[in-house]
Amino acid sequence: MTDEKKTGLIRGEDGVVTCFWHGNLPDYRRYHDEEWGHPVTSDVRLFEKICLEGFQSGLSWLTILRKRETFRAAFAGFDFEKVAAFGDADIERLLADKGIVRHRGKIVSTINNAARAIEMKAEFGTLARYFWSFEPKPEERPATFDWEALRANTTTPASVRLSKDLKKRGWSFVGPTTVYAFMQAMGMVNDHIEGCNCRDRIERLRAEFVRPA
């Protein structure tokens, strides 16, 4: 195992130490620095994130990241009210689109989840209000977060709770591991590891963030 994988940290050409998993690839590094872990309240972006995490299952996130703009074009910008109206012709169109992951089950799941998102918005006012209600309590989070903790935690009690509730509501491709990756990406938890240049900044953003009422 390399030193980076032992510590979970890597030094970039700019001298900045960050989580190692982006491998200093420019697009992946931007995602790590500018997006991953930032608190999100936009319903469209939340819907996009949870759907793309579902598409990522069994693949690398970099694969999805590099296809994200094509996914957005294919799925109407992840406007869930538009996606919910997709029919058989759209499914066939999407299965023929080489720019996305052409998995029938995941495509059908995204259309189903769009309809479930409409129901959720009607019940809670916003998707953000629903999702943020599952934010782990402070006592559920470790006092420090190192690489070993990140490797060990592919699910958490909070992601299990959220996964179960989503499934009860009819959502699909929302297992606890997928849901935890979603929670990491949308800022519900800060899993930048100790020593990463971004960790303290994300903690400040989370401290200043106004949770949906």
C-alpha atoms as a PDB file:
ATOM      1  CA  MET A   1       0.000   0.000   0.000  1.00  0.00           C
ATOM      2  CA  THR A   2       1.347   3.450  -0.924  1.00  0.00           C
ATOM      3  CA  ASP A   3       1.923   6.144   1.688  1.00  0.00           C
ATOM      4  CA  GLU A   4      -1.064   8.015   0.245  1.00  0.00           C
ATOM      5  CA  LYS A   5      -3.356   5.064   0.820  1.00  0.00           C
ATOM      6  CA  LYS A   6      -1.964   4.590   4.317  1.00  0.00           C
ATOM      7  CA  THR A   7      -2.686   8.173   5.307  1.00  0.00           C
ATOM      8  CA  GLY A   8      -5.481   8.988   2.894  1.00  0.00           C
ATOM      9  CA  LEU A   9      -3.648  12.195   1.954  1.00  0.00           C
ATOM     10  CA  ILE A  10      -1.850  13.358  -1.166  1.00  0.00           C
ATOM     11  CA  ARG A  11       0.172  16.471  -1.957  1.00  0.00           C
ATOM     12  CA  GLY A  12      -0.665  18.191  -5.215  1.00  0.00           C
ATOM     13  CA  GLU A  13       1.705  19.984  -7.558  1.00  0.00           C
ATOM     14  CA  ASP A  14       0.530  23.166  -5.845  1.00  0.00           C
ATOM     15  CA  GLY A  15       1.852  21.817  -2.544  1.00  0.00           C
ATOM     16  CA  VAL A  16      -1.630  21.539  -1.038  1.00  0.00           C
ATOM     17  CA  VAL A  17      -2.430  18.379   0.927  1.00  0.00           C
ATOM     18  CA  THR A  18      -5.875  16.890   0.314  1.00  0.00           C
ATOM     19  CA  CYS A  19      -7.713  13.547   0.370  1.00  0.00           C
ATOM     20  CA  PHE A  20      -5.890  11.209  -1.976  1.00  0.00           C
ATOM     21  CA  TRP A  21      -8.832   9.658  -3.822  1.00  0.00           C
ATOM     22  CA  HIS A  22      -8.932  12.219  -6.645  1.00  0.00           C
ATOM     23  CA  GLY A  23      -5.400  11.230  -7.631  1.00  0.00           C
ATOM     24  CA  ASN A  24      -4.611  14.833  -8.592  1.00  0.00           C
ATOM     25  CA  LEU A  25      -6.593  14.402 -11.815  1.00  0.00           C
ATOM     26  CA  PRO A  26      -7.691  17.972 -12.645  1.00  0.00           C
ATOM     27  CA  ASP A  27     -11.438  17.346 -13.015  1.00  0.00           C
ATOM     28  CA  TYR A  28     -11.561  14.986 -10.050  1.00  0.00           C
ATOM     29  CA  ARG A  29      -9.544  17.404  -7.918  1.00  0.00           C
ATOM     30  CA  ARG A  30     -11.963  20.234  -8.762  1.00  0.00           C
ATOM     31  CA  TYR A  31     -14.868  18.049  -7.716  1.00  0.00           C
ATOM     32  CA  HIS A  32     -13.115  17.257  -4.418  1.00  0.00           C
ATOM     33  CA  ASP A  33     -12.142  20.873  -3.732  1.00  0.00           C
ATOM     34  CA  GLU A  34     -15.197  22.750  -4.962  1.00  0.00           C
ATOM     35  CA  GLU A  35     -18.166  20.431  -4.587  1.00  0.00           C
ATOM     36  CA  TRP A  36     -17.786  17.276  -2.486  1.00  0.00           C
ATOM     37  CA  GLY A  37     -19.119  17.911   1.008  1.00  0.00           C
ATOM     38  CA  HIS A  38     -20.506  21.384   0.318  1.00  0.00           C
ATOM     39  CA  PRO A  39     -24.018  21.702   1.815  1.00  0.00           C
ATOM     40  CA  VAL A  40     -26.715  21.537  -0.868  1.00  0.00           C
ATOM     41  CA  THR A  41     -30.324  22.728  -0.627  1.00  0.00           C
ATOM     42  CA  SER A  42     -31.355  22.829  -4.297  1.00  0.00           C
ATOM     43  CA  ASP A  43     -34.010  20.174  -4.866  1.00  0.00           C
ATOM     44  CA  VAL A  44     -32.878  19.623  -8.455  1.00  0.00           C
ATOM     45  CA  ARG A  45     -29.253  19.158  -7.435  1.00  0.00           C
ATOM     46  CA  LEU A  46     -30.235  16.837  -4.598  1.00  0.00           C
ATOM     47  CA  PHE A  47     -32.290  14.745  -6.988  1.00  0.00           C
ATOM     48  CA  GLU A  48     -29.395  14.711  -9.447  1.00  0.00           C
ATOM     49  CA  LYS A  49     -26.929  13.644  -6.780  1.00  0.00           C
ATOM     50  CA  ILE A  50     -28.967  10.746  -5.455  1.00  0.00           C
ATOM     51  CA  CYS A  51     -29.735   9.510  -8.978  1.00  0.00           C
ATOM     52  CA  LEU A  52     -26.099   9.693 -10.082  1.00  0.00           C
ATOM     53  CA  GLU A  53     -25.015   7.848  -6.948  1.00  0.00           C
ATOM     54  CA  GLY A  54     -27.432   5.126  -8.027  1.00  0.00           C
ATOM     55  CA  PHE A  55     -25.902   5.052 -11.501  1.00  0.00           C
ATOM     56  CA  GLN A  56     -22.439   4.872  -9.911  1.00  0.00           C
ATOM     57  CA  SER A  57     -23.230   1.595  -8.146  1.00  0.00           C
ATOM     58  CA  GLY A  58     -20.689  -0.948  -9.381  1.00  0.00           C
ATOM     59  CA  LEU A  59     -18.675   1.724 -11.210  1.00  0.00           C
ATOM     60  CA  SER A  60     -16.174   4.418 -10.269  1.00  0.00           C
ATOM     61  CA  TRP A  61     -17.435   7.896  -9.414  1.00  0.00           C
ATOM     62  CA  LEU A  62     -14.941   9.331 -11.910  1.00  0.00           C
ATOM     63  CA  THR A  63     -16.796   7.517 -14.690  1.00  0.00           C
ATOM     64  CA  ILE A  64     -20.040   9.200 -13.628  1.00  0.00           C
ATOM     65  CA  LEU A  65     -18.406  12.585 -13.098  1.00  0.00           C
ATOM     66  CA  ARG A  66     -17.021  12.604 -16.619  1.00  0.00           C
ATOM     67  CA  LYS A  67     -20.451  11.716 -18.016  1.00  0.00           C
ATOM     68  CA  ARG A  68     -22.355  14.135 -15.793  1.00  0.00           C
ATOM     69  CA  GLU A  69     -23.035  16.804 -18.405  1.00  0.00           C
ATOM     70  CA  THR A  70     -24.354  14.164 -20.781  1.00  0.00           C
ATOM     71  CA  PHE A  71     -26.521  12.767 -17.990  1.00  0.00           C
ATOM     72  CA  ARG A  72     -27.894  16.246 -17.378  1.00  0.00           C
ATOM     73  CA  ALA A  73     -28.754  16.687 -21.053  1.00  0.00           C
ATOM     74  CA  ALA A  74     -30.332  13.229 -21.228  1.00  0.00           C
ATOM     75  CA  PHE A  75     -32.422  13.657 -18.068  1.00  0.00           C
ATOM     76  CA  ALA A  76     -33.759  17.201 -18.633  1.00  0.00           C
ATOM     77  CA  GLY A  77     -31.264  18.728 -16.203  1.00  0.00           C
ATOM     78  CA  PHE A  78     -32.657  16.357 -13.536  1.00  0.00           C
ATOM     79  CA  ASP A  79     -35.809  18.435 -13.278  1.00  0.00           C
ATOM     80  CA  PHE A  80     -37.764  15.666 -11.586  1.00  0.00           C
ATOM     81  CA  GLU A  81     -41.146  16.961 -12.714  1.00  0.00           C
ATOM     82  CA  LYS A  82     -39.996  16.565 -16.313  1.00  0.00           C
ATOM     83  CA  VAL A  83     -38.252  13.228 -15.724  1.00  0.00           C
ATOM     84  CA  ALA A  84     -41.380  11.785 -14.097  1.00  0.00           C
ATOM     85  CA  ALA A  85     -43.183  12.292 -17.414  1.00  0.00           C
ATOM     86  CA  PHE A  86     -40.683  10.163 -19.360  1.00  0.00           C
ATOM     87  CA  GLY A  87     -42.242   7.199 -21.149  1.00  0.00           C
ATOM     88  CA  ASP A  88     -41.182   4.160 -23.110  1.00  0.00           C
ATOM     89  CA  ALA A  89     -39.782   6.217 -25.984  1.00  0.00           C
ATOM     90  CA  ASP A  90     -37.551   8.084 -23.547  1.00  0.00           C
ATOM     91  CA  ILE A  91     -36.307   4.825 -22.046  1.00  0.00           C
ATOM     92  CA  GLU A  92     -35.327   3.588 -25.506  1.00  0.00           C
ATOM     93  CA  ARG A  93     -33.690   6.948 -26.251  1.00  0.00           C
ATOM     94  CA  LEU A  94     -31.661   6.731 -23.067  1.00  0.00           C
ATOM     95  CA  LEU A  95     -30.647   3.122 -23.714  1.00  0.00           C
ATOM     96  CA  ALA A  96     -29.228   4.275 -27.053  1.00  0.00           C
ATOM     97  CA  ASP A  97     -27.286   7.187 -25.527  1.00  0.00           C
ATOM     98  CA  LYS A  98     -23.612   6.190 -25.381  1.00  0.00           C
ATOM     99  CA  GLY A  99     -22.852   9.240 -23.252  1.00  0.00           C
ATOM    100  CA  ILE A 100     -24.549   7.820 -20.156  1.00  0.00           C
ATOM    101  CA  VAL A 101     -24.599   4.501 -18.325  1.00  0.00           C
ATOM    102  CA  ARG A 102     -27.024   2.425 -20.381  1.00  0.00           C
ATOM    103  CA  HIS A 103     -28.508   0.276 -17.645  1.00  0.00           C
ATOM    104  CA  ARG A 104     -32.251  -0.246 -18.069  1.00  0.00           C
ATOM    105  CA  GLY A 105     -32.882  -0.835 -14.376  1.00  0.00           C
ATOM    106  CA  LYS A 106     -31.118   2.362 -13.351  1.00  0.00           C
ATOM    107  CA  ILE A 107     -32.843   4.395 -16.064  1.00  0.00           C
ATOM    108  CA  VAL A 108     -36.280   3.102 -15.060  1.00  0.00           C
ATOM    109  CA  SER A 109     -35.358   3.707 -11.410  1.00  0.00           C
ATOM    110  CA  THR A 110     -34.535   7.361 -12.131  1.00  0.00           C
ATOM    111  CA  ILE A 111     -37.947   7.883 -13.750  1.00  0.00           C
ATOM    112  CA  ASN A 112     -39.653   6.152 -10.831  1.00  0.00           C
ATOM    113  CA  ASN A 113     -37.688   8.188  -8.305  1.00  0.00           C
ATOM    114  CA  ALA A 114     -38.681  11.387 -10.081  1.00  0.00           C
ATOM    115  CA  ALA A 115     -42.332  10.559  -9.426  1.00  0.00           C
ATOM    116  CA  ARG A 116     -41.499   9.756  -5.808  1.00  0.00           C
ATOM    117  CA  ALA A 117     -39.664  13.107  -5.550  1.00  0.00           C
ATOM    118  CA  ILE A 118     -42.818  14.925  -6.653  1.00  0.00           C
ATOM    119  CA  GLU A 119     -44.722  13.149  -3.875  1.00  0.00           C
ATOM    120  CA  MET A 120     -42.003  14.032  -1.382  1.00  0.00           C
ATOM    121  CA  LYS A 121     -42.080  17.700  -2.351  1.00  0.00           C
ATOM    122  CA  ALA A 122     -45.849  17.754  -1.940  1.00  0.00           C
ATOM    123  CA  GLU A 123     -45.515  16.277   1.558  1.00  0.00           C
ATOM    124  CA  PHE A 124     -42.515  18.189   2.881  1.00  0.00           C
ATOM    125  CA  GLY A 125     -42.467  21.361   0.793  1.00  0.00           C
ATOM    126  CA  THR A 126     -38.943  20.664  -0.468  1.00  0.00           C
ATOM    127  CA  LEU A 127     -36.709  17.646  -0.932  1.00  0.00           C
ATOM    128  CA  ALA A 128     -34.080  19.517   1.053  1.00  0.00           C
ATOM    129  CA  ARG A 129     -36.310  19.654   4.124  1.00  0.00           C
ATOM    130  CA  TYR A 130     -36.807  15.898   3.964  1.00  0.00           C
ATOM    131  CA  PHE A 131     -33.188  14.908   3.351  1.00  0.00           C
ATOM    132  CA  TRP A 132     -31.651  17.258   5.897  1.00  0.00           C
ATOM    133  CA  SER A 133     -33.941  15.861   8.578  1.00  0.00           C
ATOM    134  CA  PHE A 134     -31.742  12.738   8.436  1.00  0.00           C
ATOM    135  CA  GLU A 135     -28.508  14.607   9.187  1.00  0.00           C
ATOM    136  CA  PRO A 136     -26.575  12.594  11.787  1.00  0.00           C
ATOM    137  CA  LYS A 137     -26.670  14.022  15.287  1.00  0.00           C
ATOM    138  CA  PRO A 138     -23.334  15.308  16.638  1.00  0.00           C
ATOM    139  CA  GLU A 139     -22.970  12.305  18.926  1.00  0.00           C
ATOM    140  CA  GLU A 140     -23.250  10.002  15.904  1.00  0.00           C
ATOM    141  CA  ARG A 141     -20.183  11.515  14.244  1.00  0.00           C
ATOM    142  CA  PRO A 142     -16.589  10.659  15.230  1.00  0.00           C
ATOM    143  CA  ALA A 143     -14.588  13.354  17.000  1.00  0.00           C
ATOM    144  CA  THR A 144     -11.837  12.880  14.419  1.00  0.00           C
ATOM    145  CA  PHE A 145     -12.077  11.463  10.936  1.00  0.00           C
ATOM    146  CA  ASP A 146      -9.044   9.695   9.517  1.00  0.00           C
ATOM    147  CA  TRP A 147      -8.466   7.460   6.520  1.00  0.00           C
ATOM    148  CA  GLU A 148      -9.155   4.250   8.417  1.00  0.00           C
ATOM    149  CA  ALA A 149     -12.533   5.615   9.480  1.00  0.00           C
ATOM    150  CA  LEU A 150     -13.398   6.571   5.900  1.00  0.00           C
ATOM    151  CA  ARG A 151     -12.438   3.127   4.634  1.00  0.00           C
ATOM    152  CA  ALA A 152     -14.454   1.413   7.358  1.00  0.00           C
ATOM    153  CA  ASN A 153     -17.623   3.491   7.038  1.00  0.00           C
ATOM    154  CA  THR A 154     -19.454   2.582   3.842  1.00  0.00           C
ATOM    155  CA  THR A 155     -22.734   2.864   5.714  1.00  0.00           C
ATOM    156  CA  THR A 156     -23.794   4.592   8.915  1.00  0.00           C
ATOM    157  CA  PRO A 157     -26.858   4.334  11.156  1.00  0.00           C
ATOM    158  CA  ALA A 158     -28.153   7.551   9.542  1.00  0.00           C
ATOM    159  CA  SER A 159     -27.714   6.223   6.010  1.00  0.00           C
ATOM    160  CA  VAL A 160     -29.478   3.011   6.994  1.00  0.00           C
ATOM    161  CA  ARG A 161     -32.401   5.011   8.409  1.00  0.00           C
ATOM    162  CA  LEU A 162     -32.633   7.184   5.300  1.00  0.00           C
ATOM    163  CA  SER A 163     -32.339   4.202   2.963  1.00  0.00           C
ATOM    164  CA  LYS A 164     -35.128   2.347   4.742  1.00  0.00           C
ATOM    165  CA  ASP A 165     -37.413   5.362   4.678  1.00  0.00           C
ATOM    166  CA  LEU A 166     -36.783   6.045   0.983  1.00  0.00           C
ATOM    167  CA  LYS A 167     -37.546   2.421   0.130  1.00  0.00           C
ATOM    168  CA  LYS A 168     -40.795   2.623   2.097  1.00  0.00           C
ATOM    169  CA  ARG A 169     -41.677   5.620  -0.052  1.00  0.00           C
ATOM    170  CA  GLY A 170     -41.074   3.610  -3.229  1.00  0.00           C
ATOM    171  CA  TRP A 171     -37.610   4.869  -4.183  1.00  0.00           C
ATOM    172  CA  SER A 172     -35.183   2.389  -5.757  1.00  0.00           C
ATOM    173  CA  PHE A 173     -31.397   2.051  -6.069  1.00  0.00           C
ATOM    174  CA  VAL A 174     -31.122   3.732  -2.667  1.00  0.00           C
ATOM    175  CA  GLY A 175     -29.319   1.139  -0.576  1.00  0.00           C
ATOM    176  CA  PRO A 176     -27.487   2.363   2.552  1.00  0.00           C
ATOM    177  CA  THR A 177     -24.080   2.477   0.826  1.00  0.00           C
ATOM    178  CA  THR A 178     -25.457   4.527  -2.073  1.00  0.00           C
ATOM    179  CA  VAL A 179     -27.282   6.781   0.369  1.00  0.00           C
ATOM    180  CA  TYR A 180     -24.152   7.315   2.448  1.00  0.00           C
ATOM    181  CA  ALA A 181     -22.217   8.364  -0.666  1.00  0.00           C
ATOM    182  CA  PHE A 182     -25.054  10.807  -1.362  1.00  0.00           C
ATOM    183  CA  MET A 183     -24.849  12.159   2.191  1.00  0.00           C
ATOM    184  CA  GLN A 184     -21.108  12.696   1.782  1.00  0.00           C
ATOM    185  CA  ALA A 185     -21.517  14.446  -1.561  1.00  0.00           C
ATOM    186  CA  MET A 186     -24.330  16.806  -0.518  1.00  0.00           C
ATOM    187  CA  GLY A 187     -22.649  17.947   2.688  1.00  0.00           C
ATOM    188  CA  MET A 188     -24.786  16.181   5.243  1.00  0.00           C
ATOM    189  CA  VAL A 189     -21.507  14.871   6.658  1.00  0.00           C
ATOM    190  CA  ASN A 190     -17.944  16.152   6.318  1.00  0.00           C
ATOM    191  CA  ASP A 191     -15.806  13.193   5.297  1.00  0.00           C
ATOM    192  CA  HIS A 192     -12.769  15.111   4.153  1.00  0.00           C
ATOM    193  CA  ILE A 193     -10.207  13.363   6.314  1.00  0.00           C
ATOM    194  CA  GLU A 194      -8.057  14.946   8.999  1.00  0.00           C
ATOM    195  CA  GLY A 195      -5.202  16.820   7.334  1.00  0.00           C
ATOM    196  CA  CYS A 196      -7.086  17.560   4.114  1.00  0.00           C
ATOM    197  CA  ASN A 197      -6.913  21.231   3.195  1.00  0.00           C
ATOM    198  CA  CYS A 198     -10.676  21.262   2.628  1.00  0.00           C
ATOM    199  CA  ARG A 199     -11.830  19.778   5.918  1.00  0.00           C
ATOM    200  CA  ASP A 200     -11.811  22.922   8.079  1.00  0.00           C
ATOM    201  CA  ARG A 201     -13.402  24.987   5.309  1.00  0.00           C
ATOM    202  CA  ILE A 202     -16.234  22.482   4.966  1.00  0.00           C
ATOM    203  CA  GLU A 203     -16.693  22.505   8.748  1.00  0.00           C
ATOM    204  CA  ARG A 204     -17.078  26.301   8.596  1.00  0.00           C
ATOM    205  CA  LEU A 205     -19.560  26.056   5.727  1.00  0.00           C
ATOM    206  CA  ARG A 206     -21.571  23.478   7.633  1.00  0.00           C
ATOM    207  CA  ALA A 207     -21.514  25.604  10.783  1.00  0.00           C
ATOM    208  CA  GLU A 208     -22.809  28.626   8.841  1.00  0.00           C
ATOM    209  CA  PHE A 209     -25.321  26.627   6.837  1.00  0.00           C
ATOM    210  CA  VAL A 210     -28.993  27.264   7.627  1.00  0.00           C
ATOM    211  CA  ARG A 211     -30.753  23.902   7.647  1.00  0.00           C
ATOM    212  CA  PRO A 212     -34.181  23.795   5.968  1.00  0.00           C
ATOM    213  CA  ALA A 213     -36.826  24.346   8.625  1.00  0.00           C
END
